[in-house]
Amino acid sequence: MSDAVTALLLALAAEIAEARKQLASVQKMLVETAIDAGNLRALVEAMRTERGA
C-alpha cells in the first residue's frame, strides 16, 4: 500500500472517530433533553391538576 493511501486511510479513521465522538455527545444531550421534557410535562400536569381541584 502506498504512503498516500495509508495517510488517507489514517485521516479517514481519525475523521470517523471524531464523528462517532460527536454523535455520542449529541445522543447524550438528546437523552437529557427528553428526560427534562418528561419532567416538565409532569410538572405542567401536576399544576393543571392542582388548579382544577
PDB file of N, CA and C in Angstrom:
ATOM      1  N   MET A   1       0.858  -1.174   0.000  1.00  0.00           N
ATOM      2  CA  MET A   1       0.000   0.000   0.000  1.00  0.00           C
ATOM      3  C   MET A   1       0.902   1.234   0.000  1.00  0.00           C
ATOM      4  N   SER A   2       0.568   2.205  -0.803  1.00  0.00           N
ATOM      5  CA  SER A   2       1.414   3.392  -0.892  1.00  0.00           C
ATOM      6  C   SER A   2       1.247   4.277   0.341  1.00  0.00           C
ATOM      7  N   ASP A   3       2.224   5.137   0.536  1.00  0.00           N
ATOM      8  CA  ASP A   3       2.171   6.052   1.677  1.00  0.00           C
ATOM      9  C   ASP A   3       0.968   6.984   1.592  1.00  0.00           C
ATOM     10  N   ALA A   4       0.603   7.380   0.383  1.00  0.00           N
ATOM     11  CA  ALA A   4      -0.535   8.292   0.209  1.00  0.00           C
ATOM     12  C   ALA A   4      -1.843   7.610   0.621  1.00  0.00           C
ATOM     13  N   VAL A   5      -1.983   6.361   0.242  1.00  0.00           N
ATOM     14  CA  VAL A   5      -3.203   5.611   0.586  1.00  0.00           C
ATOM     15  C   VAL A   5      -3.256   5.382   2.095  1.00  0.00           C
ATOM     16  N   THR A   6      -2.116   5.048   2.674  1.00  0.00           N
ATOM     17  CA  THR A   6      -2.049   4.837   4.117  1.00  0.00           C
ATOM     18  C   THR A   6      -2.408   6.119   4.862  1.00  0.00           C
ATOM     19  N   ALA A   7      -1.875   7.239   4.408  1.00  0.00           N
ATOM     20  CA  ALA A   7      -2.175   8.526   5.042  1.00  0.00           C
ATOM     21  C   ALA A   7      -3.657   8.855   4.911  1.00  0.00           C
ATOM     22  N   LEU A   8      -4.226   8.569   3.747  1.00  0.00           N
ATOM     23  CA  LEU A   8      -5.645   8.825   3.528  1.00  0.00           C
ATOM     24  C   LEU A   8      -6.498   7.967   4.455  1.00  0.00           C
ATOM     25  N   LEU A   9      -6.148   6.688   4.582  1.00  0.00           N
ATOM     26  CA  LEU A   9      -6.900   5.800   5.468  1.00  0.00           C
ATOM     27  C   LEU A   9      -6.801   6.246   6.920  1.00  0.00           C
ATOM     28  N   LEU A  10      -5.628   6.678   7.334  1.00  0.00           N
ATOM     29  CA  LEU A  10      -5.464   7.179   8.700  1.00  0.00           C
ATOM     30  C   LEU A  10      -6.285   8.439   8.930  1.00  0.00           C
ATOM     31  N   ALA A  11      -6.299   9.317   7.939  1.00  0.00           N
ATOM     32  CA  ALA A  11      -7.090  10.549   8.054  1.00  0.00           C
ATOM     33  C   ALA A  11      -8.583  10.226   8.141  1.00  0.00           C
ATOM     34  N   LEU A  12      -9.028   9.286   7.326  1.00  0.00           N
ATOM     35  CA  LEU A  12     -10.434   8.886   7.363  1.00  0.00           C
ATOM     36  C   LEU A  12     -10.789   8.241   8.696  1.00  0.00           C
ATOM     37  N   ALA A  13      -9.903   7.418   9.208  1.00  0.00           N
ATOM     38  CA  ALA A  13     -10.154   6.780  10.502  1.00  0.00           C
ATOM     39  C   ALA A  13     -10.266   7.827  11.603  1.00  0.00           C
ATOM     40  N   ALA A  14      -9.415   8.851  11.546  1.00  0.00           N
ATOM     41  CA  ALA A  14      -9.479   9.922  12.541  1.00  0.00           C
ATOM     42  C   ALA A  14     -10.786  10.697  12.416  1.00  0.00           C
ATOM     43  N   GLU A  15     -11.213  10.963  11.192  1.00  0.00           N
ATOM     44  CA  GLU A  15     -12.481  11.672  10.971  1.00  0.00           C
ATOM     45  C   GLU A  15     -13.656  10.859  11.497  1.00  0.00           C
ATOM     46  N   ILE A  16     -13.650   9.571  11.242  1.00  0.00           N
ATOM     47  CA  ILE A  16     -14.730   8.702  11.711  1.00  0.00           C
ATOM     48  C   ILE A  16     -14.751   8.658  13.234  1.00  0.00           C
ATOM     49  N   ALA A  17     -13.590   8.570  13.842  1.00  0.00           N
ATOM     50  CA  ALA A  17     -13.519   8.548  15.308  1.00  0.00           C
ATOM     51  C   ALA A  17     -14.076   9.843  15.890  1.00  0.00           C
ATOM     52  N   GLU A  18     -13.734  10.969  15.285  1.00  0.00           N
ATOM     53  CA  GLU A  18     -14.245  12.259  15.771  1.00  0.00           C
ATOM     54  C   GLU A  18     -15.758  12.341  15.580  1.00  0.00           C
ATOM     55  N   ALA A  19     -16.251  11.869  14.430  1.00  0.00           N
ATOM     56  CA  ALA A  19     -17.692  11.890  14.173  1.00  0.00           C
ATOM     57  C   ALA A  19     -18.436  11.016  15.185  1.00  0.00           C
ATOM     58  N   ARG A  20     -17.873   9.860  15.509  1.00  0.00           N
ATOM     59  CA  ARG A  20     -18.508   8.977  16.498  1.00  0.00           C
ATOM     60  C   ARG A  20     -18.527   9.626  17.875  1.00  0.00           C
ATOM     61  N   LYS A  21     -17.453  10.313  18.204  1.00  0.00           N
ATOM     62  CA  LYS A  21     -17.386  11.016  19.493  1.00  0.00           C
ATOM     63  C   LYS A  21     -18.460  12.101  19.559  1.00  0.00           C
ATOM     64  N   GLN A  22     -18.596  12.862  18.490  1.00  0.00           N
ATOM     65  CA  GLN A  22     -19.615  13.915  18.453  1.00  0.00           C
ATOM     66  C   GLN A  22     -21.020  13.318  18.498  1.00  0.00           C
ATOM     67  N   LEU A  23     -21.237  12.217  17.804  1.00  0.00           N
ATOM     68  CA  LEU A  23     -22.543  11.560  17.808  1.00  0.00           C
ATOM     69  C   LEU A  23     -22.912  11.097  19.211  1.00  0.00           C
ATOM     70  N   ALA A  24     -21.958  10.506  19.904  1.00  0.00           N
ATOM     71  CA  ALA A  24     -22.216  10.056  21.273  1.00  0.00           C
ATOM     72  C   ALA A  24     -22.583  11.232  22.166  1.00  0.00           C
ATOM     73  N   SER A  25     -21.907  12.348  21.985  1.00  0.00           N
ATOM     74  CA  SER A  25     -22.202  13.546  22.775  1.00  0.00           C
ATOM     75  C   SER A  25     -23.607  14.062  22.491  1.00  0.00           C
ATOM     76  N   VAL A  26     -23.968  14.100  21.227  1.00  0.00           N
ATOM     77  CA  VAL A  26     -25.303  14.576  20.848  1.00  0.00           C
ATOM     78  C   VAL A  26     -26.383  13.621  21.349  1.00  0.00           C
ATOM     79  N   GLN A  27     -26.117  12.311  21.276  1.00  0.00           N
ATOM     80  CA  GLN A  27     -27.087  11.353  21.780  1.00  0.00           C
ATOM     81  C   GLN A  27     -27.309  11.543  23.278  1.00  0.00           C
ATOM     82  N   LYS A  28     -26.242  11.780  24.005  1.00  0.00           N
ATOM     83  CA  LYS A  28     -26.359  12.026  25.451  1.00  0.00           C
ATOM     84  C   LYS A  28     -27.199  13.272  25.705  1.00  0.00           C
ATOM     85  N   MET A  29     -26.951  14.330  24.928  1.00  0.00           N
ATOM     86  CA  MET A  29     -27.721  15.564  25.092  1.00  0.00           C
ATOM     87  C   MET A  29     -29.194  15.324  24.786  1.00  0.00           C
ATOM     88  N   LEU A  30     -29.489  14.510  23.763  1.00  0.00           N
ATOM     89  CA  LEU A  30     -30.882  14.223  23.422  1.00  0.00           C
ATOM     90  C   LEU A  30     -31.582  13.456  24.533  1.00  0.00           C
ATOM     91  N   VAL A  31     -30.904  12.506  25.132  1.00  0.00           N
ATOM     92  CA  VAL A  31     -31.496  11.754  26.242  1.00  0.00           C
ATOM     93  C   VAL A  31     -31.776  12.693  27.411  1.00  0.00           C
ATOM     94  N   GLU A  32     -30.811  13.560  27.724  1.00  0.00           N
ATOM     95  CA  GLU A  32     -31.010  14.512  28.821  1.00  0.00           C
ATOM     96  C   GLU A  32     -32.168  15.459  28.527  1.00  0.00           C
ATOM     97  N   THR A  33     -32.290  15.891  27.281  1.00  0.00           N
ATOM     98  CA  THR A  33     -33.387  16.778  26.890  1.00  0.00           C
ATOM     99  C   THR A  33     -34.728  16.059  27.003  1.00  0.00           C
ATOM    100  N   ALA A  34     -34.766  14.797  26.602  1.00  0.00           N
ATOM    101  CA  ALA A  34     -36.005  14.025  26.707  1.00  0.00           C
ATOM    102  C   ALA A  34     -36.413  13.854  28.167  1.00  0.00           C
ATOM    103  N   ILE A  35     -35.441  13.613  29.030  1.00  0.00           N
ATOM    104  CA  ILE A  35     -35.734  13.490  30.460  1.00  0.00           C
ATOM    105  C   ILE A  35     -36.273  14.809  31.003  1.00  0.00           C
ATOM    106  N   ASP A  36     -35.618  15.910  30.636  1.00  0.00           N
ATOM    107  CA  ASP A  36     -36.081  17.229  31.082  1.00  0.00           C
ATOM    108  C   ASP A  36     -37.497  17.514  30.584  1.00  0.00           C
ATOM    109  N   ALA A  37     -37.770  17.157  29.343  1.00  0.00           N
ATOM    110  CA  ALA A  37     -39.107  17.384  28.783  1.00  0.00           C
ATOM    111  C   ALA A  37     -40.149  16.561  29.528  1.00  0.00           C
ATOM    112  N   GLY A  38     -39.804  15.329  29.858  1.00  0.00           N
ATOM    113  CA  GLY A  38     -40.734  14.490  30.627  1.00  0.00           C
ATOM    114  C   GLY A  38     -41.008  15.070  31.998  1.00  0.00           C
ATOM    115  N   ASN A  39     -39.956  15.559  32.651  1.00  0.00           N
ATOM    116  CA  ASN A  39     -40.133  16.183  33.968  1.00  0.00           C
ATOM    117  C   ASN A  39     -40.988  17.445  33.868  1.00  0.00           C
ATOM    118  N   LEU A  40     -40.761  18.229  32.844  1.00  0.00           N
ATOM    119  CA  LEU A  40     -41.544  19.452  32.653  1.00  0.00           C
ATOM    120  C   LEU A  40     -43.009  19.119  32.385  1.00  0.00           C
ATOM    121  N   ARG A  41     -43.239  18.088  31.578  1.00  0.00           N
ATOM    122  CA  ARG A  41     -44.612  17.689  31.296  1.00  0.00           C
ATOM    123  C   ARG A  41     -45.311  17.245  32.570  1.00  0.00           C
ATOM    124  N   ALA A  42     -44.601  16.477  33.400  1.00  0.00           N
ATOM    125  CA  ALA A  42     -45.192  16.022  34.663  1.00  0.00           C
ATOM    126  C   ALA A  42     -45.511  17.215  35.558  1.00  0.00           C
ATOM    127  N   LEU A  43     -44.641  18.207  35.582  1.00  0.00           N
ATOM    128  CA  LEU A  43     -44.876  19.407  36.379  1.00  0.00           C
ATOM    129  C   LEU A  43     -46.096  20.171  35.877  1.00  0.00           C
ATOM    130  N   VAL A  44     -46.213  20.313  34.574  1.00  0.00           N
ATOM    131  CA  VAL A  44     -47.365  21.016  33.996  1.00  0.00           C
ATOM    132  C   VAL A  44     -48.650  20.263  34.324  1.00  0.00           C
ATOM    133  N   GLU A  45     -48.626  18.946  34.197  1.00  0.00           N
ATOM    134  CA  GLU A  45     -49.808  18.158  34.513  1.00  0.00           C
ATOM    135  C   GLU A  45     -50.186  18.306  35.992  1.00  0.00           C
ATOM    136  N   ALA A  46     -49.192  18.308  36.869  1.00  0.00           N
ATOM    137  CA  ALA A  46     -49.470  18.470  38.294  1.00  0.00           C
ATOM    138  C   ALA A  46     -50.069  19.842  38.558  1.00  0.00           C
ATOM    139  N   MET A  47     -49.570  20.866  37.889  1.00  0.00           N
ATOM    140  CA  MET A  47     -50.106  22.219  38.088  1.00  0.00           C
ATOM    141  C   MET A  47     -51.536  22.297  37.575  1.00  0.00           C
ATOM    142  N   ARG A  48     -51.813  21.652  36.431  1.00  0.00           N
ATOM    143  CA  ARG A  48     -53.170  21.650  35.891  1.00  0.00           C
ATOM    144  C   ARG A  48     -54.132  20.935  36.838  1.00  0.00           C
ATOM    145  N   THR A  49     -53.678  19.820  37.388  1.00  0.00           N
ATOM    146  CA  THR A  49     -54.498  19.058  38.343  1.00  0.00           C
ATOM    147  C   THR A  49     -54.768  19.892  39.587  1.00  0.00           C
ATOM    148  N   GLU A  50     -53.720  20.536  40.080  1.00  0.00           N
ATOM    149  CA  GLU A  50     -53.881  21.355  41.285  1.00  0.00           C
ATOM    150  C   GLU A  50     -54.812  22.533  41.037  1.00  0.00           C
ATOM    151  N   ARG A  51     -54.677  23.135  39.874  1.00  0.00           N
ATOM    152  CA  ARG A  51     -55.531  24.275  39.543  1.00  0.00           C
ATOM    153  C   ARG A  51     -56.981  23.838  39.370  1.00  0.00           C
ATOM    154  N   GLY A  52     -57.186  22.636  38.841  1.00  0.00           N
ATOM    155  CA  GLY A  52     -58.540  22.125  38.627  1.00  0.00           C
ATOM    156  C   GLY A  52     -59.222  21.649  39.896  1.00  0.00           C
ATOM    157  N   ALA A  53     -58.434  21.379  40.925  1.00  0.00           N
ATOM    158  CA  ALA A  53     -59.016  20.840  42.163  1.00  0.00           C
ATOM    159  C   ALA A  53     -59.628  21.926  43.022  1.00  0.00           C
TER     160      ALA A  53
END
